[in-house]
Amino acid sequence: MRFTSIFSVRIASFFTALVLPLGLALAAAGLASACSSTPSTTPASGVPDAGVVADAAPGPTADADVADDGGVDAAEDPQDILGTLSGSCGVLGPMLHATAPSLVDNGLTFVAGEHYAADTLSADGQKMYAQPNAGGTSVESEVMSLEVLHYCEDASLLATETQVRYSADAGSGSITDILVSIGGERYGVSVTRAYKPSPGMTDDQVKELLETKLRGIQSSTARVDARDRWVKQILHVFVIGQAGVEGVKRVWPTIADADKVDTIVLVTATTGGGFIYCHTPPLGSECTL
């Protein structure tokens, strides 16, 4: 409309300078040209109208700057996580401020041809991949825990295991594996693997592991420095297959409320993810050690 209005003023000026027949002819030609022009998608400010571009691209990149309601960052490719995630994703939001403990589960499948390497991880995952942890053999599980939380809850890394600060007068005790930000608030993440070679873990062993980790969470929460203090902690448990999930679910009701407190327990069942438990198998293979 702005283009048509300016053009009409110019035609009127031109009309006064020439004879009427010639003016009418030129005006008709000008109007025909205006009607056949492609409308500009650049407003008067000179900035392209991003809304037009989004409407014209209904594929995976449409609405690329908007995170969906499930908590997955829609600005990133759905394949941004190593492996294929299924089940509960983006559901922790309502639980983060709940006072009752929660238990949720999902699945993470790896196939032959995939590779656990820095360039297959998110930017924060790459930072954890390059950082030493406090010892042990849990680097892979901690990195993949961050990747799951990043993908599902839009979590960002604040501190690794060796970077979380504890009060100088708190003495020794359990430490938390990862400090993340979700929705602008701090959450601690403790990671464990409920795994034992065939025939696997008994229910009593699973219960003992969970109780140990839950009590460790309380210890690290009591000791953490005010600068890194979190809202609550997430206990992320990796298990092999659905049988592992069912084992955790069986013992969960038998654990004392005093141990659970308000912790969120996230259980991720892996398929073809042997590297999380014994490091060496190629993706798509299970741990046999």
Protein backbone atom coordinates (compact mmCIF):
# COMPACT_ATOMS: atom_id res chain seq x y z
CA MET A 1 0.00 0.00 0.00
CA ARG A 2 2.86 2.41 0.75
CA PHE A 3 4.39 1.66 -2.68
CA THR A 4 1.07 2.28 -4.48
CA SER A 5 0.42 5.61 -2.67
CA ILE A 6 3.83 7.12 -3.52
CA PHE A 7 3.55 5.93 -7.09
CA SER A 8 0.13 7.66 -7.49
CA VAL A 9 1.56 11.02 -6.35
CA ARG A 10 4.32 10.76 -8.92
CA ILE A 11 1.83 9.89 -11.70
CA ALA A 12 -0.29 12.92 -10.71
CA SER A 13 2.72 15.24 -11.02
CA PHE A 14 3.62 13.74 -14.35
CA PHE A 15 0.02 14.19 -15.55
CA THR A 16 0.12 17.98 -14.98
CA ALA A 17 3.24 18.31 -17.13
CA LEU A 18 1.87 16.54 -20.24
CA VAL A 19 -1.26 16.49 -22.33
CA LEU A 20 -4.15 14.45 -20.99
CA PRO A 21 -4.04 11.57 -23.53
CA LEU A 22 -0.36 10.97 -22.96
CA GLY A 23 -0.82 11.22 -19.15
CA LEU A 24 -3.64 8.69 -19.19
CA ALA A 25 -1.56 6.27 -21.22
CA LEU A 26 1.41 6.53 -18.87
CA ALA A 27 -0.81 6.18 -15.79
CA ALA A 28 -2.38 3.03 -17.19
CA ALA A 29 1.05 1.57 -17.89
CA GLY A 30 2.24 2.48 -14.39
CA LEU A 31 -0.77 0.84 -12.73
CA ALA A 32 -0.27 -2.33 -14.73
CA SER A 33 3.36 -2.43 -13.61
CA ALA A 34 2.37 -1.91 -9.95
CA CYS A 35 -0.17 -4.74 -10.06
CA SER A 36 2.37 -7.19 -11.50
CA SER A 37 5.16 -6.39 -9.00
CA THR A 38 6.10 -8.96 -6.32
CA PRO A 39 5.15 -7.59 -2.87
CA SER A 40 8.19 -6.73 -0.76
CA THR A 41 8.75 -8.68 2.45
CA THR A 42 10.98 -5.91 3.82
CA PRO A 43 9.11 -3.35 5.96
CA ALA A 44 9.91 0.35 6.08
CA SER A 45 12.54 -0.26 8.75
CA GLY A 46 14.62 -2.29 6.26
CA VAL A 47 14.54 -5.40 8.50
CA PRO A 48 13.20 -8.56 6.80
CA ASP A 49 9.86 -9.77 8.15
CA ALA A 50 10.83 -12.99 9.95
CA GLY A 51 7.19 -14.02 10.30
CA VAL A 52 6.86 -14.40 6.54
CA VAL A 53 9.89 -16.69 6.40
CA ALA A 54 8.57 -18.90 9.23
CA ASP A 55 5.16 -19.23 7.60
CA ALA A 56 6.77 -20.28 4.35
CA ALA A 57 8.89 -23.02 5.91
CA PRO A 58 6.62 -25.64 7.51
CA GLY A 59 9.41 -28.23 7.80
CA PRO A 60 11.54 -29.05 10.86
CA THR A 61 13.11 -25.58 10.90
CA ALA A 62 9.79 -23.70 11.13
CA ASP A 63 9.34 -21.82 14.42
CA ALA A 64 13.00 -22.58 15.05
CA ASP A 65 13.35 -20.02 17.83
CA VAL A 66 10.44 -21.31 19.91
CA ALA A 67 10.89 -24.09 22.48
CA ASP A 68 7.94 -26.48 22.55
CA ASP A 69 5.80 -27.13 25.62
CA GLY A 70 7.62 -30.38 26.31
CA GLY A 71 10.83 -28.54 27.21
CA VAL A 72 12.83 -29.72 24.18
CA ASP A 73 14.67 -26.81 22.56
CA ALA A 74 13.02 -26.59 19.14
CA ALA A 75 15.90 -24.45 17.90
CA GLU A 76 18.03 -27.57 17.80
CA ASP A 77 17.81 -30.49 15.42
CA PRO A 78 15.81 -33.42 16.86
CA GLN A 79 18.92 -35.56 16.27
CA ASP A 80 21.00 -33.29 18.51
CA ILE A 81 21.22 -36.02 21.14
CA LEU A 82 23.47 -38.99 20.56
CA GLY A 83 21.20 -42.03 20.23
CA THR A 84 17.39 -42.02 20.02
CA LEU A 85 15.37 -40.96 23.04
CA SER A 86 11.89 -42.31 23.76
CA GLY A 87 9.37 -42.11 26.57
CA SER A 88 9.16 -39.29 29.10
CA CYS A 89 10.89 -36.13 27.92
CA GLY A 90 10.24 -32.56 29.01
CA VAL A 91 8.09 -33.66 31.94
CA LEU A 92 10.21 -32.60 34.92
CA GLY A 93 9.00 -29.00 34.98
CA PRO A 94 6.07 -29.48 37.40
CA MET A 95 8.21 -31.73 39.62
CA LEU A 96 11.07 -29.27 40.10
CA HIS A 97 9.23 -27.32 42.80
CA ALA A 98 7.06 -30.16 44.14
CA THR A 99 7.78 -31.23 47.70
CA ALA A 100 7.00 -34.89 47.06
CA PRO A 101 9.60 -37.23 45.52
CA SER A 102 9.06 -38.28 41.90
CA LEU A 103 10.03 -41.24 39.73
CA VAL A 104 9.96 -41.06 35.90
CA ASP A 105 11.58 -43.14 33.17
CA ASN A 106 12.58 -42.96 29.52
CA GLY A 107 14.67 -44.92 27.03
CA LEU A 108 17.85 -44.22 25.07
CA THR A 109 18.76 -46.46 22.12
CA PHE A 110 22.11 -46.60 20.33
CA VAL A 111 22.79 -48.39 17.05
CA ALA A 112 25.86 -49.62 15.23
CA GLY A 113 27.56 -46.83 13.31
CA GLU A 114 27.00 -44.18 15.99
CA HIS A 115 30.06 -42.96 17.85
CA TYR A 116 30.60 -41.54 21.31
CA ALA A 117 32.88 -38.62 20.53
CA ALA A 118 33.04 -34.91 21.33
CA ASP A 119 31.61 -33.84 17.97
CA THR A 120 28.47 -35.94 18.54
CA LEU A 121 27.60 -34.01 21.73
CA SER A 122 26.06 -30.66 22.57
CA ALA A 123 28.36 -27.74 23.38
CA ASP A 124 27.94 -28.38 27.12
CA GLY A 125 28.40 -32.10 26.57
CA GLN A 126 31.70 -31.37 24.87
CA LYS A 127 32.83 -29.34 27.90
CA MET A 128 32.08 -32.25 30.22
CA TYR A 129 33.70 -34.69 27.80
CA ALA A 130 36.95 -32.70 28.05
CA GLN A 131 36.87 -32.14 31.81
CA PRO A 132 38.29 -34.63 34.31
CA ASN A 133 35.87 -35.92 36.91
CA ALA A 134 36.61 -36.75 40.53
CA GLY A 135 37.83 -40.23 39.69
CA GLY A 136 36.17 -43.52 38.89
CA THR A 137 34.79 -44.70 35.57
CA SER A 138 31.58 -42.70 35.30
CA VAL A 139 32.47 -40.06 32.70
CA GLU A 140 30.29 -41.54 29.95
CA SER A 141 27.21 -41.84 32.15
CA GLU A 142 27.61 -38.30 33.47
CA VAL A 143 28.03 -36.86 29.97
CA MET A 144 24.98 -38.72 28.69
CA SER A 145 22.98 -37.63 31.73
CA LEU A 146 23.71 -34.02 30.83
CA GLU A 147 22.78 -34.72 27.21
CA VAL A 148 19.39 -36.18 28.19
CA LEU A 149 18.60 -33.25 30.50
CA HIS A 150 19.78 -30.76 27.89
CA TYR A 151 17.63 -32.33 25.19
CA CYS A 152 14.51 -32.84 27.30
CA GLU A 153 14.60 -30.03 29.86
CA ASP A 154 16.76 -27.43 28.08
CA ALA A 155 19.31 -27.78 30.90
CA SER A 156 22.59 -25.92 30.63
CA LEU A 157 25.84 -26.80 32.38
CA LEU A 158 26.93 -24.59 35.29
CA ALA A 159 29.62 -26.73 36.92
CA THR A 160 31.13 -30.18 36.62
CA GLU A 161 31.85 -32.52 39.53
CA THR A 162 35.20 -30.95 40.34
CA GLN A 163 33.89 -27.39 40.00
CA VAL A 164 30.92 -27.49 42.41
CA ARG A 165 31.83 -25.54 45.55
CA TYR A 166 31.25 -26.80 49.10
CA SER A 167 31.40 -24.95 52.41
CA ALA A 168 34.87 -24.94 53.91
CA ASP A 169 33.56 -25.92 57.35
CA ALA A 170 31.25 -28.69 56.05
CA GLY A 171 33.87 -31.40 56.24
CA SER A 172 34.14 -34.30 53.82
CA GLY A 173 31.23 -36.16 52.33
CA SER A 174 29.40 -37.00 49.14
CA ILE A 175 29.65 -34.69 46.16
CA THR A 176 27.25 -34.03 43.31
CA ASP A 177 28.19 -34.93 39.74
CA ILE A 178 26.73 -32.01 37.78
CA LEU A 179 25.25 -28.57 38.49
CA VAL A 180 22.80 -27.44 35.83
CA SER A 181 20.42 -24.57 35.18
CA ILE A 182 16.82 -25.34 34.21
CA GLY A 183 14.49 -22.41 33.73
CA GLY A 184 17.06 -20.09 35.28
CA GLU A 185 17.34 -22.09 38.54
CA ARG A 186 20.11 -24.38 39.81
CA TYR A 187 19.66 -28.13 40.17
CA GLY A 188 22.14 -30.74 41.28
CA VAL A 189 22.37 -33.99 39.35
CA SER A 190 23.76 -37.24 40.77
CA VAL A 191 24.32 -40.05 38.29
CA THR A 192 24.51 -43.78 38.90
CA ARG A 193 24.40 -47.03 36.93
CA ALA A 194 22.29 -49.92 38.23
CA TYR A 195 24.24 -52.61 36.43
CA LYS A 196 25.84 -55.95 37.14
CA PRO A 197 26.85 -58.64 34.63
CA SER A 198 24.48 -61.55 34.10
CA PRO A 199 22.35 -62.52 35.94
CA GLY A 200 22.11 -58.84 36.84
CA MET A 201 21.27 -57.06 40.09
CA THR A 202 18.85 -58.43 42.64
CA ASP A 203 16.13 -56.19 44.03
CA ASP A 204 18.03 -55.95 47.32
CA GLN A 205 21.13 -54.74 45.47
CA VAL A 206 19.13 -52.16 43.52
CA LYS A 207 17.54 -50.91 46.73
CA GLU A 208 20.91 -50.65 48.46
CA LEU A 209 22.35 -48.67 45.54
CA LEU A 210 19.43 -46.24 45.48
CA GLU A 211 19.49 -45.73 49.24
CA THR A 212 23.23 -45.02 49.14
CA LYS A 213 22.83 -42.48 46.35
CA LEU A 214 19.79 -40.81 47.94
CA ARG A 215 21.60 -40.41 51.25
CA GLY A 216 24.61 -39.04 49.40
CA ILE A 217 22.32 -36.45 47.80
CA GLN A 218 21.24 -35.28 51.24
CA SER A 219 24.86 -35.06 52.33
CA SER A 220 25.98 -32.97 49.35
CA THR A 221 22.91 -30.74 49.67
CA ALA A 222 23.82 -30.01 53.28
CA ARG A 223 27.43 -29.25 52.36
CA VAL A 224 27.11 -27.20 49.17
CA ASP A 225 28.29 -23.59 49.28
CA ALA A 226 25.63 -20.89 49.08
CA ARG A 227 27.06 -19.73 45.74
CA ASP A 228 26.13 -23.07 44.14
CA ARG A 229 23.10 -23.98 46.25
CA TRP A 230 20.47 -25.79 44.21
CA VAL A 231 16.68 -25.91 44.44
CA LYS A 232 16.72 -29.72 44.59
CA GLN A 233 18.55 -32.69 43.14
CA ILE A 234 17.85 -35.18 40.38
CA LEU A 235 19.09 -38.74 40.76
CA HIS A 236 19.65 -40.05 37.24
CA VAL A 237 19.80 -43.85 37.12
CA PHE A 238 20.96 -45.68 33.99
CA VAL A 239 19.76 -49.27 33.59
CA ILE A 240 19.86 -51.80 30.77
CA GLY A 241 16.48 -52.38 29.15
CA GLN A 242 12.97 -52.32 30.52
CA ALA A 243 13.77 -55.06 33.02
CA GLY A 244 16.11 -52.61 34.73
CA VAL A 245 13.35 -50.00 34.92
CA GLU A 246 10.96 -52.49 36.47
CA GLY A 247 13.56 -53.41 39.07
CA VAL A 248 13.83 -49.78 40.18
CA LYS A 249 10.05 -49.41 40.25
CA ARG A 250 9.67 -52.51 42.41
CA VAL A 251 11.99 -51.28 45.14
CA TRP A 252 11.05 -47.58 45.02
CA PRO A 253 7.99 -47.96 47.31
CA THR A 254 10.08 -49.84 49.87
CA ILE A 255 12.61 -47.01 50.34
CA ALA A 256 12.02 -44.83 53.39
CA ASP A 257 10.47 -41.42 52.80
CA ALA A 258 13.31 -39.88 54.81
CA ASP A 259 15.76 -41.08 52.13
CA LYS A 260 13.64 -39.97 49.17
CA VAL A 261 12.88 -36.50 50.58
CA ASP A 262 11.93 -34.36 47.55
CA THR A 263 14.37 -35.90 45.06
CA ILE A 264 13.42 -36.55 41.43
CA VAL A 265 14.56 -39.98 40.26
CA LEU A 266 14.95 -40.24 36.48
CA VAL A 267 15.51 -43.77 35.18
CA THR A 268 16.90 -44.11 31.64
CA ALA A 269 16.84 -47.59 30.11
CA THR A 270 19.57 -48.01 27.52
CA THR A 271 19.63 -50.32 24.53
CA GLY A 272 22.95 -50.86 22.75
CA GLY A 273 24.60 -48.49 25.23
CA GLY A 274 27.21 -50.79 26.76
CA PHE A 275 29.79 -47.98 26.67
CA ILE A 276 27.92 -46.27 29.52
CA TYR A 277 28.64 -49.21 31.83
CA CYS A 278 31.99 -50.61 30.69
CA HIS A 279 33.35 -48.00 28.24
CA THR A 280 34.82 -50.19 25.53
CA PRO A 281 31.93 -51.67 23.50
CA PRO A 282 31.00 -49.90 20.24
CA LEU A 283 27.61 -48.24 20.22
CA GLY A 284 24.85 -50.69 19.43
CA SER A 285 26.49 -53.32 21.67
CA GLU A 286 25.85 -54.25 25.28
CA CYS A 287 28.38 -54.49 28.09
CA THR A 288 29.45 -58.06 28.76
CA LEU A 289 31.84 -57.39 31.65
